[in-house]
Amino acid sequence: MNKNYLMVSAHNEKHLSKVDKIDATIMLNLEDGVPKDKKEIALKNIVKLLKKGINKKVIVRINSLYESGFKEIETLNEFNVAFRIPKINSIEEVQKVFEKTNNEIHLSVETKEMFFNLKNFRYSPIKAFYLGVLDLFDELNLSHSLIKEDNQLIHKILIDFSLNSRYLGISPVGFIYQKYKDLAGFKKWCEIQKNYGFMGVGCITPKQVEIANEIFKNEDLEYAKMIAQRFEKEGAFTIDGLFVDEPVYKNYKNMLKGKI
C-alpha cells in the first residue's frame, strides 16, 4: 500500500479547489511554503474545506509546536485528519501532542536529535515518519549538493531511516524532490527509495504524483491472496517454480496487510 502524498499549501484556494481530483493522499500544508502573513488564512481555508467535506485521506502539516502548532491541533482536532508534526527534538514533545489529540500522528524526521534517536519513538498513534532531508542536512551542516545518486552518504541516510522506521513498525515515507520540472530525476529517486523499503514519497505536482503512483503501486494482491489462502489450507506447496513455505507465505500476508 503506497503512501504517496501531494503537498498543497493551504493559503492557495485555487490549489485547494482541485484536491479531490488528485489520486493521492492530500497533505494540507501550514508550515514551510506558507508565508507568515498567510498562516491564519491557511488555517481558516482548511477548516472551510473540511467542513465542506473531502473524499480522501487528509494529513495536516502543522507548524512547529511552539510556534502555532498546538493551536492548530486544537482548531482541527474535531475533524478526521492526521497531524504531521515538524521539528521534533524529543520524546517529551511527542507526549505533549498525545495529551492534545487522539488523532493519527505522523512525524517529520528532520532534526539531528530525532534522526539519531529514531528507535526511541515507538508509540502506536504514530503511523508514518517523513524524511525531511533538506532540513536534516542543514542541521548537520551538510551541503544539499551532496544529495546525488552516486553519493554513499545520502544512501546511508535513506537506508538507516528505512530500517529504523520498520524496526518500529512505522511506515517510512521519502523526501520531496524540489526540482519539480526534473521528472526523470524524481523518478530515479522514487526507484531508489522504493528499493530501500520506503512506502511512498512526497510530491509537489500532479505529474510527480503520477510517477510515484506507478513506481509505488501495489503488487498483484489477488495473486498474494491466492498464495496465502492456499498455504493456510494445504501448507507448503510449489507454484510457477516457486516453493512456498512459511517465510514466503508471511511475505504475501504482509503485502495483504499493507505492510510492504
Protein backbone atom coordinates (compact mmCIF):
# COMPACT_ATOMS: atom_id res chain seq x y z
CA MET A 1 0.00 0.00 0.00
CA ASN A 2 1.75 3.16 -1.13
CA LYS A 3 1.68 6.38 0.85
CA ASN A 4 2.37 8.97 -1.83
CA TYR A 5 1.02 12.36 -0.93
CA LEU A 6 0.56 15.70 -2.66
CA MET A 7 1.67 18.70 -0.63
CA VAL A 8 -0.80 21.59 -1.01
CA SER A 9 -0.12 24.96 0.61
CA ALA A 10 -3.36 25.81 2.35
CA HIS A 11 -3.30 29.54 1.64
CA ASN A 12 -3.76 28.83 -2.08
CA GLU A 13 -7.51 28.47 -2.61
CA LYS A 14 -7.09 27.65 -6.31
CA HIS A 15 -4.97 24.59 -5.48
CA LEU A 16 -7.28 23.56 -2.64
CA SER A 17 -10.23 23.51 -5.03
CA LYS A 18 -8.57 20.76 -7.09
CA VAL A 19 -7.51 18.30 -4.38
CA ASP A 20 -10.47 15.94 -4.85
CA LYS A 21 -9.26 15.20 -8.38
CA ILE A 22 -5.77 14.03 -7.33
CA ASP A 23 -5.08 10.31 -6.88
CA ALA A 24 -3.01 10.69 -3.73
CA THR A 25 -3.27 11.38 -0.04
CA ILE A 26 -3.59 15.14 0.41
CA MET A 27 -1.24 16.92 2.78
CA LEU A 28 -2.54 20.36 3.62
CA ASN A 29 0.46 22.48 4.47
CA LEU A 30 0.53 25.15 7.15
CA GLU A 31 4.30 25.17 7.66
CA ASP A 32 7.06 25.77 5.11
CA GLY A 33 5.68 27.10 1.85
CA VAL A 34 3.05 29.25 3.56
CA PRO A 35 4.13 32.89 4.11
CA LYS A 36 3.96 34.00 7.73
CA ASP A 37 1.31 36.60 6.97
CA LYS A 38 -0.86 33.89 5.33
CA LYS A 39 -0.82 31.34 8.18
CA GLU A 40 -4.17 32.38 9.66
CA ILE A 41 -5.82 32.43 6.24
CA ALA A 42 -4.40 28.98 5.51
CA LEU A 43 -5.84 27.57 8.74
CA LYS A 44 -9.26 29.07 8.01
CA ASN A 45 -9.14 27.61 4.50
CA ILE A 46 -8.52 24.14 5.92
CA VAL A 47 -11.44 24.45 8.33
CA LYS A 48 -13.68 25.56 5.46
CA LEU A 49 -12.55 22.65 3.25
CA LEU A 50 -13.02 20.05 5.99
CA LYS A 51 -16.48 21.34 6.88
CA LYS A 52 -17.45 21.13 3.23
CA GLY A 53 -16.12 17.56 3.09
CA ILE A 54 -13.35 15.87 1.14
CA ASN A 55 -13.47 12.33 -0.17
CA LYS A 56 -9.92 11.23 0.64
CA LYS A 57 -7.41 10.88 3.44
CA VAL A 58 -6.15 14.24 4.67
CA ILE A 59 -3.00 14.99 6.63
CA VAL A 60 -2.34 18.46 8.00
CA ARG A 61 1.26 19.54 8.27
CA ILE A 62 1.15 21.96 11.17
CA ASN A 63 3.75 24.47 12.26
CA SER A 64 6.23 23.64 14.99
CA LEU A 65 4.58 23.06 18.34
CA TYR A 66 5.97 26.17 20.00
CA GLU A 67 5.04 28.48 17.16
CA SER A 68 1.37 27.82 16.41
CA GLY A 69 1.28 24.01 16.25
CA PHE A 70 -0.65 23.39 19.44
CA LYS A 71 -3.24 25.99 18.46
CA GLU A 72 -3.64 24.36 15.03
CA ILE A 73 -4.17 20.94 16.63
CA GLU A 74 -6.85 22.44 18.88
CA THR A 75 -8.60 24.09 15.94
CA LEU A 76 -8.61 20.97 13.74
CA ASN A 77 -8.96 18.28 16.39
CA GLU A 78 -12.67 17.75 15.73
CA PHE A 79 -12.01 16.64 12.14
CA ASN A 80 -10.90 13.23 10.94
CA VAL A 81 -7.41 14.29 9.91
CA ALA A 82 -3.92 13.08 10.71
CA PHE A 83 -1.43 15.60 12.04
CA ARG A 84 2.12 15.79 10.72
CA ILE A 85 4.34 17.32 13.39
CA PRO A 86 7.58 19.03 12.29
CA LYS A 87 10.82 19.92 14.08
CA ILE A 88 10.54 17.32 16.84
CA ASN A 89 13.56 17.12 19.13
CA SER A 90 12.43 14.88 21.99
CA ILE A 91 10.02 12.18 23.09
CA GLU A 92 8.60 14.61 25.64
CA GLU A 93 7.36 16.84 22.83
CA VAL A 94 5.55 13.91 21.23
CA GLN A 95 3.94 13.01 24.55
CA LYS A 96 2.58 16.56 24.81
CA VAL A 97 0.96 16.06 21.39
CA PHE A 98 -0.77 12.90 22.65
CA GLU A 99 -2.22 14.94 25.51
CA LYS A 100 -3.87 17.29 23.00
CA THR A 101 -5.34 14.84 20.45
CA ASN A 102 -6.34 11.25 19.78
CA ASN A 103 -5.97 11.72 16.03
CA GLU A 104 -3.44 9.79 13.99
CA ILE A 105 0.06 11.27 14.29
CA HIS A 106 2.79 11.47 11.65
CA LEU A 107 6.23 12.89 12.41
CA SER A 108 8.74 14.72 10.25
CA VAL A 109 12.24 13.40 10.82
CA GLU A 110 14.30 16.49 10.13
CA THR A 111 16.26 17.27 13.30
CA LYS A 112 19.50 15.52 14.15
CA GLU A 113 18.15 14.73 17.63
CA MET A 114 15.28 12.75 16.21
CA PHE A 115 17.13 11.12 13.30
CA PHE A 116 19.87 9.66 15.52
CA ASN A 117 17.42 8.57 18.23
CA LEU A 118 14.63 7.30 16.00
CA LYS A 119 14.36 3.89 17.69
CA ASN A 120 13.11 5.58 20.86
CA PHE A 121 9.96 6.91 19.15
CA ARG A 122 7.80 3.80 19.40
CA TYR A 123 4.22 4.90 20.02
CA SER A 124 1.11 3.33 18.49
CA PRO A 125 -0.57 6.62 17.41
CA ILE A 126 2.46 7.32 15.17
CA LYS A 127 1.70 5.85 11.75
CA ALA A 128 4.36 7.38 9.49
CA PHE A 129 7.76 9.03 9.52
CA TYR A 130 8.66 11.53 6.77
CA LEU A 131 12.29 12.13 5.93
CA GLY A 132 12.86 15.89 5.80
CA VAL A 133 16.21 15.51 4.12
CA LEU A 134 16.91 19.20 3.38
CA ASP A 135 16.26 20.28 6.98
CA LEU A 136 18.34 17.35 8.24
CA PHE A 137 21.27 18.32 6.01
CA ASP A 138 21.01 21.91 7.27
CA GLU A 139 21.13 20.67 10.88
CA LEU A 140 24.22 18.59 10.11
CA ASN A 141 25.89 21.46 8.20
CA LEU A 142 25.91 19.37 5.03
CA SER A 143 25.51 20.88 1.59
CA HIS A 144 22.37 20.00 -0.36
CA SER A 145 24.71 19.35 -3.30
CA LEU A 146 25.60 16.04 -1.63
CA ILE A 147 22.11 14.72 -2.38
CA LYS A 148 23.06 12.97 -5.58
CA GLU A 149 22.69 9.42 -6.78
CA ASP A 150 26.36 8.44 -6.54
CA ASN A 151 26.96 9.76 -3.00
CA GLN A 152 27.09 7.00 -0.39
CA LEU A 153 26.24 9.43 2.40
CA ILE A 154 22.66 10.05 1.23
CA HIS A 155 22.22 6.33 0.59
CA LYS A 156 23.28 5.55 4.17
CA ILE A 157 20.79 8.11 5.49
CA LEU A 158 18.00 6.57 3.41
CA ILE A 159 18.85 3.02 4.47
CA ASP A 160 19.18 3.86 8.18
CA PHE A 161 15.92 5.81 8.11
CA SER A 162 14.02 2.99 6.41
CA LEU A 163 15.37 0.20 8.62
CA ASN A 164 14.86 2.12 11.87
CA SER A 165 11.31 3.05 10.86
CA ARG A 166 10.50 -0.58 10.02
CA TYR A 167 12.08 -1.74 13.28
CA LEU A 168 9.39 0.35 14.99
CA GLY A 169 6.62 -0.83 12.67
CA ILE A 170 6.15 2.71 11.34
CA SER A 171 5.87 3.49 7.61
CA PRO A 172 8.90 5.30 6.14
CA VAL A 173 7.96 7.98 3.59
CA GLY A 174 10.55 9.53 1.31
CA PHE A 175 11.60 13.10 0.76
CA ILE A 176 10.14 15.73 -1.53
CA TYR A 177 12.17 16.32 -4.69
CA GLN A 178 12.27 20.09 -5.06
CA LYS A 179 13.28 20.17 -8.75
CA TYR A 180 9.69 19.65 -9.83
CA LYS A 181 10.41 20.03 -13.56
CA ASP A 182 13.08 17.32 -13.48
CA LEU A 183 10.72 14.36 -13.74
CA ALA A 184 13.50 11.95 -14.74
CA GLY A 185 15.41 12.82 -11.56
CA PHE A 186 12.26 12.48 -9.47
CA LYS A 187 11.57 9.05 -10.97
CA LYS A 188 15.11 7.88 -10.19
CA TRP A 189 14.86 8.93 -6.55
CA CYS A 190 11.46 7.22 -6.29
CA GLU A 191 13.00 4.00 -7.58
CA ILE A 192 15.92 4.25 -5.15
CA GLN A 193 13.64 4.83 -2.15
CA LYS A 194 11.25 2.05 -3.23
CA ASN A 195 14.22 -0.35 -3.36
CA TYR A 196 15.21 0.73 0.16
CA GLY A 197 11.81 -0.20 1.56
CA PHE A 198 10.07 3.18 1.56
CA MET A 199 6.28 3.10 1.33
CA GLY A 200 5.91 6.25 -0.75
CA VAL A 201 7.22 9.78 -1.26
CA GLY A 202 6.10 13.36 -1.09
CA CYS A 203 5.01 15.16 -4.27
CA ILE A 204 4.53 18.81 -5.12
CA THR A 205 2.91 18.49 -8.56
CA PRO A 206 0.27 16.19 -10.08
CA LYS A 207 2.88 14.95 -12.59
CA GLN A 208 5.07 13.79 -9.73
CA VAL A 209 2.05 12.00 -8.24
CA GLU A 210 1.53 10.06 -11.48
CA ILE A 211 5.14 8.87 -11.49
CA ALA A 212 5.16 7.99 -7.79
CA ASN A 213 1.89 6.06 -8.06
CA GLU A 214 3.31 3.96 -10.89
CA ILE A 215 6.52 3.14 -9.01
CA PHE A 216 4.94 2.51 -5.61
CA LYS A 217 1.82 0.76 -6.92
CA ASN A 218 0.56 -2.30 -5.08
CA GLU A 219 1.74 -5.63 -6.36
CA ASP A 220 -0.79 -8.23 -7.54
CA LEU A 221 -2.93 -8.53 -4.42
CA GLU A 222 -5.18 -11.17 -5.95
CA TYR A 223 -2.15 -13.38 -6.52
CA ALA A 224 -0.96 -12.70 -2.97
CA LYS A 225 -4.40 -13.61 -1.61
CA MET A 226 -4.41 -16.87 -3.56
CA ILE A 227 -0.94 -17.81 -2.25
CA ALA A 228 -1.89 -17.02 1.35
CA GLN A 229 -5.20 -18.90 1.23
CA ARG A 230 -3.65 -21.95 -0.40
CA PHE A 231 -0.82 -22.10 2.16
CA GLU A 232 -3.30 -21.77 5.03
CA LYS A 233 -5.26 -24.68 3.59
CA GLU A 234 -2.51 -27.00 2.33
CA GLY A 235 0.75 -25.96 3.97
CA ALA A 236 3.89 -25.77 1.83
CA PHE A 237 3.43 -26.13 -1.93
CA THR A 238 5.06 -25.22 -5.25
CA ILE A 239 3.67 -22.91 -7.94
CA ASP A 240 5.25 -21.43 -11.07
CA GLY A 241 8.66 -22.72 -10.00
CA LEU A 242 8.36 -21.13 -6.54
CA PHE A 243 8.49 -23.17 -3.32
CA VAL A 244 6.02 -21.54 -0.94
CA ASP A 245 6.95 -22.19 2.68
CA GLU A 246 6.41 -20.16 5.88
CA PRO A 247 8.67 -17.14 5.06
CA VAL A 248 7.20 -16.81 1.55
CA TYR A 249 3.69 -17.06 2.99
CA LYS A 250 4.48 -14.32 5.55
CA ASN A 251 5.74 -12.06 2.75
CA TYR A 252 2.41 -12.29 0.93
CA LYS A 253 0.45 -11.84 4.17
CA ASN A 254 2.41 -8.67 4.90
CA MET A 255 1.62 -7.48 1.40
CA LEU A 256 -2.09 -8.03 2.01
CA LYS A 257 -1.87 -6.15 5.31
CA GLY A 258 -0.30 -3.16 3.55
CA LYS A 259 2.99 -3.52 5.41
CA ILE A 260 5.15 -3.80 2.30
